[in-house]
Amino acid sequence: MGTVLAFMNLKGGVGKTTLAAALAREFVKEAAKKVLLIDLDPQCNLSSIFFDPDEIASFPRHQTVHYALYPEKRDPARCLKGAKRVFAEGNLFHTERRINLLAGSMEIYKIIATAGANEAQFCIDNFKEVINAAEDYDFIFIDTNPSANLATMCALQTAHFVVAPMAMDIFSVRGIRILKEVFADKYRWLNEDQRIIGIWNKVDSRFRDATSPLERALARANPEIIRWVLANRIYETNHLHYEGSKKGFVQEQTNVGRRDLFNRVVEELGVVCAELLQRIRLVHA
């Protein structure tokens, strides 16, 4: 099993899904050969980057995260075999680098809403078996929804790190603080240094060369969280958007509105990726 990163913040709208996909592509380019994306958000936003809604809805249950939580019989290999190839690079005979996606499913809303304690533990155990069976991957990225629910616990049960995208506002920081308050007793690794790695996202480009008063205030009020935020950040993430019906990794888009700003944000992704990899290697050394 590779290193598991849970992209998580109890504040929504901070760019978890966009960064999970974009950083997976950067990881493959910079370090990893094989990355598995898991869409654990019942809204299926990560899956929607690569497939149309009708396609996602048509996937057989054993090819989605629904089966990873609630299989008819425990068969993690079957679940992993159903992951969709969303990126591949290599020669005619051998794929050197690849990214696969275990697609999301709105059906897990039903499990989240109705599961009692025993059923919830059954789902967590099943999901853990799938992660443990994913031995072929260097990294596993889990995209989550901004809620403290069963899907969140599945991610925390299996993750080595929380990667927490944050906008420059108090609620983004509180989303991480509350995550620790709710789950740190059960998942004690959340209290360890550098296990929650923040990434400033959607930062106002006026502060490229200076620290904003708001950032200084957030650092004073939340030193235990801000101290582990990456030094590099991503500005004006709105330029990482998709034009028309094109699907796939944003780095590979050709039809963009402002090529200069788009290229600059992609470059920032690469720098953030390098620092994130360095942090992970430092902790795992």
Protein backbone atom coordinates (compact mmCIF):
# COMPACT_ATOMS: atom_id res chain seq x y z
CA MET A 1 0.00 0.00 0.00
CA GLY A 2 1.26 3.46 -0.90
CA THR A 3 1.00 6.70 1.03
CA VAL A 4 -2.62 7.72 1.59
CA LEU A 5 -3.60 11.40 1.48
CA ALA A 6 -7.11 12.46 2.53
CA PHE A 7 -8.07 15.80 1.00
CA MET A 8 -10.23 17.20 3.73
CA ASN A 9 -11.61 20.35 5.31
CA LEU A 10 -14.96 20.67 7.04
CA LYS A 11 -15.34 24.00 5.25
CA GLY A 12 -16.66 23.58 1.73
CA GLY A 13 -15.62 25.51 -1.34
CA VAL A 14 -11.89 25.54 -0.56
CA GLY A 15 -10.81 23.59 -3.65
CA LYS A 16 -10.35 20.06 -2.28
CA THR A 17 -11.49 18.31 -5.44
CA THR A 18 -9.67 20.59 -7.88
CA LEU A 19 -6.41 20.23 -5.97
CA ALA A 20 -6.79 16.47 -5.44
CA ALA A 21 -6.99 15.91 -9.20
CA ALA A 22 -4.41 18.51 -10.18
CA LEU A 23 -1.87 17.42 -7.58
CA ALA A 24 -2.31 13.76 -8.53
CA ARG A 25 -1.24 14.72 -12.05
CA GLU A 26 1.75 16.64 -10.66
CA PHE A 27 2.73 13.71 -8.40
CA VAL A 28 2.83 11.35 -11.37
CA LYS A 29 4.98 13.81 -13.27
CA GLU A 30 7.39 14.50 -10.40
CA ALA A 31 7.71 11.34 -8.34
CA ALA A 32 5.10 8.62 -8.43
CA LYS A 33 4.46 6.03 -11.08
CA LYS A 34 0.97 5.04 -10.01
CA VAL A 35 -1.71 7.06 -8.22
CA LEU A 36 -5.19 5.92 -7.24
CA LEU A 37 -7.88 8.59 -6.90
CA ILE A 38 -10.87 7.66 -4.72
CA ASP A 39 -14.04 9.74 -4.89
CA LEU A 40 -15.52 9.39 -1.42
CA ASP A 41 -17.81 12.40 -1.86
CA PRO A 42 -21.38 11.29 -2.69
CA GLN A 43 -21.71 14.38 -4.89
CA CYS A 44 -19.16 12.72 -7.22
CA ASN A 45 -17.35 15.97 -8.02
CA LEU A 46 -13.98 14.26 -8.55
CA SER A 47 -15.54 11.70 -10.89
CA SER A 48 -17.24 14.53 -12.79
CA ILE A 49 -13.84 15.92 -13.79
CA PHE A 50 -13.38 12.86 -16.00
CA PHE A 51 -16.85 11.56 -16.83
CA ASP A 52 -20.30 12.92 -17.62
CA PRO A 53 -23.03 12.47 -14.97
CA ASP A 54 -24.86 9.88 -17.06
CA GLU A 55 -21.69 7.83 -17.36
CA ILE A 56 -21.06 7.96 -13.61
CA ALA A 57 -24.63 6.91 -12.88
CA SER A 58 -24.29 3.95 -15.25
CA PHE A 59 -21.16 2.48 -13.65
CA PRO A 60 -21.85 -0.93 -12.06
CA ARG A 61 -21.80 -0.81 -8.28
CA HIS A 62 -18.66 -2.94 -8.03
CA GLN A 63 -16.81 -0.27 -10.06
CA THR A 64 -17.59 2.51 -7.56
CA VAL A 65 -16.80 3.48 -4.02
CA HIS A 66 -20.23 2.14 -3.03
CA TYR A 67 -18.85 -1.38 -3.34
CA ALA A 68 -15.76 -0.39 -1.34
CA LEU A 69 -18.01 0.49 1.60
CA TYR A 70 -20.80 -2.05 1.23
CA PRO A 71 -19.96 -5.09 -0.93
CA GLU A 72 -22.20 -8.13 -1.32
CA LYS A 73 -19.14 -10.10 -0.25
CA ARG A 74 -15.70 -8.87 0.70
CA ASP A 75 -13.67 -8.78 -2.48
CA PRO A 76 -11.32 -5.74 -2.50
CA ALA A 77 -9.51 -6.98 -5.60
CA ARG A 78 -12.74 -6.86 -7.60
CA CYS A 79 -13.38 -3.33 -6.41
CA LEU A 80 -9.90 -2.15 -7.36
CA LYS A 81 -10.13 -3.86 -10.72
CA GLY A 82 -13.13 -1.64 -11.45
CA ALA A 83 -11.11 1.57 -11.11
CA LYS A 84 -11.13 3.62 -14.31
CA ARG A 85 -7.92 4.60 -16.10
CA VAL A 86 -7.87 8.41 -16.37
CA PHE A 87 -4.20 8.90 -17.27
CA ALA A 88 -1.50 6.66 -18.73
CA GLU A 89 1.98 7.31 -20.02
CA GLY A 90 4.52 4.81 -21.31
CA ASN A 91 5.49 2.84 -24.35
CA LEU A 92 3.66 0.30 -26.45
CA PHE A 93 4.52 -2.59 -24.15
CA HIS A 94 4.57 -1.10 -20.67
CA THR A 95 2.72 1.70 -18.89
CA GLU A 96 5.25 3.55 -16.76
CA ARG A 97 2.90 6.06 -15.15
CA ARG A 98 -0.83 5.96 -14.57
CA ILE A 99 -3.69 7.40 -12.58
CA ASN A 100 -6.80 5.35 -11.90
CA LEU A 101 -10.08 6.54 -10.41
CA LEU A 102 -12.42 4.62 -8.14
CA ALA A 103 -15.56 6.51 -9.06
CA GLY A 104 -18.02 8.04 -6.64
CA SER A 105 -21.63 7.04 -6.07
CA MET A 106 -24.60 9.00 -4.77
CA GLU A 107 -25.84 5.73 -3.27
CA ILE A 108 -23.49 6.17 -0.32
CA TYR A 109 -25.77 8.98 0.88
CA LYS A 110 -28.15 6.19 1.92
CA ILE A 111 -25.43 4.48 3.95
CA ILE A 112 -24.34 7.73 5.58
CA ALA A 113 -27.93 8.60 6.51
CA THR A 114 -29.05 5.24 7.87
CA ALA A 115 -26.04 3.28 9.14
CA GLY A 116 -25.99 2.41 12.82
CA ALA A 117 -22.80 1.82 14.78
CA ASN A 118 -22.30 -1.79 13.66
CA GLU A 119 -23.10 -1.07 10.03
CA ALA A 120 -20.79 1.96 10.05
CA GLN A 121 -17.93 -0.17 11.38
CA PHE A 122 -18.68 -2.76 8.69
CA CYS A 123 -18.24 -0.04 6.03
CA ILE A 124 -15.04 1.29 7.61
CA ASP A 125 -13.56 -2.21 7.77
CA ASN A 126 -14.46 -2.89 4.15
CA PHE A 127 -12.95 0.38 2.97
CA LYS A 128 -9.77 -0.34 4.93
CA GLU A 129 -9.48 -3.73 3.21
CA VAL A 130 -9.70 -2.05 -0.20
CA ILE A 131 -6.96 0.44 0.73
CA ASN A 132 -4.73 -2.31 2.13
CA ALA A 133 -5.19 -4.30 -1.08
CA ALA A 134 -4.09 -1.36 -3.26
CA GLU A 135 -0.46 -2.47 -3.15
CA ASP A 136 0.19 -1.50 -6.75
CA TYR A 137 -0.04 2.25 -6.09
CA ASP A 138 2.60 4.69 -4.87
CA PHE A 139 0.01 7.19 -3.63
CA ILE A 140 -3.71 7.08 -2.90
CA PHE A 141 -5.66 10.36 -2.91
CA ILE A 142 -9.07 10.32 -1.20
CA ASP A 143 -11.42 13.19 -1.99
CA THR A 144 -13.99 13.82 0.74
CA ASN A 145 -17.04 15.98 1.30
CA PRO A 146 -17.04 18.74 3.95
CA SER A 147 -18.92 16.77 6.59
CA ALA A 148 -18.08 14.88 9.78
CA ASN A 149 -19.74 11.62 8.78
CA LEU A 150 -19.08 7.98 7.95
CA ALA A 151 -17.24 8.79 4.73
CA THR A 152 -14.93 11.09 6.69
CA MET A 153 -14.19 8.29 9.15
CA CYS A 154 -13.40 5.87 6.32
CA ALA A 155 -10.82 8.33 5.01
CA LEU A 156 -9.29 9.02 8.43
CA GLN A 157 -9.13 5.31 9.25
CA THR A 158 -6.84 4.72 6.29
CA ALA A 159 -4.96 7.99 5.70
CA HIS A 160 -1.38 8.82 6.61
CA PHE A 161 -1.91 12.55 6.07
CA VAL A 162 -4.72 15.05 5.79
CA VAL A 163 -4.12 17.55 3.01
CA ALA A 164 -6.27 20.54 3.89
CA PRO A 165 -6.81 23.18 1.20
CA MET A 166 -7.75 26.50 2.79
CA ALA A 167 -9.02 29.79 1.48
CA MET A 168 -7.70 32.83 3.32
CA ASP A 169 -10.61 33.10 5.74
CA ILE A 170 -11.42 32.20 9.32
CA PHE A 171 -13.93 29.48 8.41
CA SER A 172 -11.36 27.50 6.41
CA VAL A 173 -9.07 27.44 9.43
CA ARG A 174 -11.95 26.59 11.75
CA GLY A 175 -12.84 23.70 9.45
CA ILE A 176 -9.49 22.12 10.27
CA ARG A 177 -9.67 23.00 13.97
CA ILE A 178 -13.11 21.37 14.30
CA LEU A 179 -11.90 18.33 12.36
CA LYS A 180 -9.23 17.82 15.03
CA GLU A 181 -11.64 18.51 17.89
CA VAL A 182 -14.14 15.95 16.60
CA PHE A 183 -11.80 13.17 15.49
CA ALA A 184 -8.40 13.48 17.19
CA ASP A 185 -9.38 11.31 20.17
CA LYS A 186 -10.34 8.45 17.85
CA TYR A 187 -7.59 9.01 15.26
CA ARG A 188 -4.68 10.08 17.43
CA TRP A 189 -2.30 10.47 14.52
CA LEU A 190 -4.09 13.76 13.80
CA ASN A 191 -2.25 15.18 16.83
CA GLU A 192 1.17 14.32 15.43
CA ASP A 193 3.31 17.07 13.96
CA GLN A 194 2.91 17.64 10.23
CA ARG A 195 0.17 15.04 9.70
CA ILE A 196 -2.31 17.78 8.77
CA ILE A 197 -0.77 19.74 5.91
CA GLY A 198 -2.52 22.94 4.96
CA ILE A 199 -2.37 24.50 1.49
CA TRP A 200 -3.37 28.12 1.02
CA ASN A 201 -5.60 28.19 -2.05
CA LYS A 202 -7.46 30.96 -3.90
CA VAL A 203 -5.06 33.54 -2.46
CA ASP A 204 -5.43 37.16 -3.56
CA SER A 205 -2.60 37.82 -6.03
CA ARG A 206 -2.09 41.30 -4.54
CA PHE A 207 -0.26 39.56 -1.70
CA ARG A 208 2.30 37.62 -3.75
CA ASP A 209 5.11 39.63 -2.24
CA ALA A 210 3.67 40.51 1.15
CA THR A 211 1.74 38.85 3.97
CA SER A 212 -1.82 40.12 4.25
CA PRO A 213 -3.14 41.46 7.59
CA LEU A 214 -5.72 38.64 7.56
CA GLU A 215 -3.05 35.97 7.23
CA ARG A 216 -1.11 37.47 10.13
CA ALA A 217 -4.27 37.52 12.26
CA LEU A 218 -5.09 33.90 11.41
CA ALA A 219 -1.54 32.85 12.30
CA ARG A 220 -1.70 34.59 15.68
CA ALA A 221 -5.05 33.01 16.54
CA ASN A 222 -4.30 29.51 15.21
CA PRO A 223 -0.56 28.85 15.51
CA GLU A 224 -0.95 25.08 15.94
CA ILE A 225 -2.64 24.88 12.51
CA ILE A 226 -0.86 27.58 10.53
CA ARG A 227 2.60 26.33 11.51
CA TRP A 228 2.17 23.27 9.27
CA VAL A 229 0.73 25.10 6.26
CA LEU A 230 2.97 24.89 3.19
CA ALA A 231 5.03 27.99 2.49
CA ASN A 232 4.04 27.96 -1.17
CA ARG A 233 0.47 28.71 -2.10
CA ILE A 234 -1.83 28.92 -5.10
CA TYR A 235 -3.15 32.27 -6.29
CA GLU A 236 -6.30 32.90 -8.32
CA THR A 237 -7.28 29.26 -8.62
CA ASN A 238 -10.30 30.36 -10.66
CA HIS A 239 -8.02 30.23 -13.70
CA LEU A 240 -7.84 26.44 -13.27
CA HIS A 241 -11.22 26.02 -14.89
CA TYR A 242 -12.60 24.02 -17.79
CA GLU A 243 -13.88 25.50 -21.03
CA GLY A 244 -16.78 23.78 -22.77
CA SER A 245 -17.39 20.06 -22.27
CA LYS A 246 -13.74 18.98 -22.22
CA LYS A 247 -12.92 16.48 -19.46
CA GLY A 248 -9.66 15.49 -17.86
CA PHE A 249 -6.78 16.96 -15.91
CA VAL A 250 -6.75 20.72 -15.98
CA GLN A 251 -3.02 20.83 -16.81
CA GLU A 252 -3.82 19.29 -20.19
CA GLN A 253 -6.51 21.78 -21.20
CA THR A 254 -5.81 23.69 -24.40
CA ASN A 255 -8.87 25.94 -24.61
CA VAL A 256 -8.32 28.43 -21.78
CA GLY A 257 -9.30 32.06 -21.47
CA ARG A 258 -6.04 33.63 -20.23
CA ARG A 259 -3.09 31.44 -21.16
CA ASP A 260 -0.60 33.56 -19.22
CA LEU A 261 -2.54 33.35 -15.95
CA PHE A 262 -3.36 29.69 -16.53
CA ASN A 263 0.31 28.84 -17.03
CA ARG A 264 1.24 30.73 -13.90
CA VAL A 265 -1.23 28.80 -11.75
CA VAL A 266 -0.06 25.48 -13.23
CA GLU A 267 3.50 26.48 -12.36
CA GLU A 268 2.36 27.20 -8.79
CA LEU A 269 0.83 23.72 -8.65
CA GLY A 270 4.20 22.24 -9.48
CA VAL A 271 5.93 24.21 -6.74
CA VAL A 272 3.28 23.23 -4.18
CA CYS A 273 3.58 19.60 -5.28
CA ALA A 274 7.36 19.65 -4.74
CA GLU A 275 6.99 21.08 -1.23
CA LEU A 276 4.21 18.64 -0.35
CA LEU A 277 6.33 15.69 -1.48
CA GLN A 278 9.25 16.99 0.55
CA ARG A 279 7.06 17.27 3.65
CA ILE A 280 5.73 13.73 3.22
CA ARG A 281 9.21 12.28 2.73
CA LEU A 282 10.47 14.14 5.78
CA VAL A 283 7.77 12.68 8.01
CA HIS A 284 8.13 9.17 6.56
CA ALA A 285 11.94 9.18 6.73
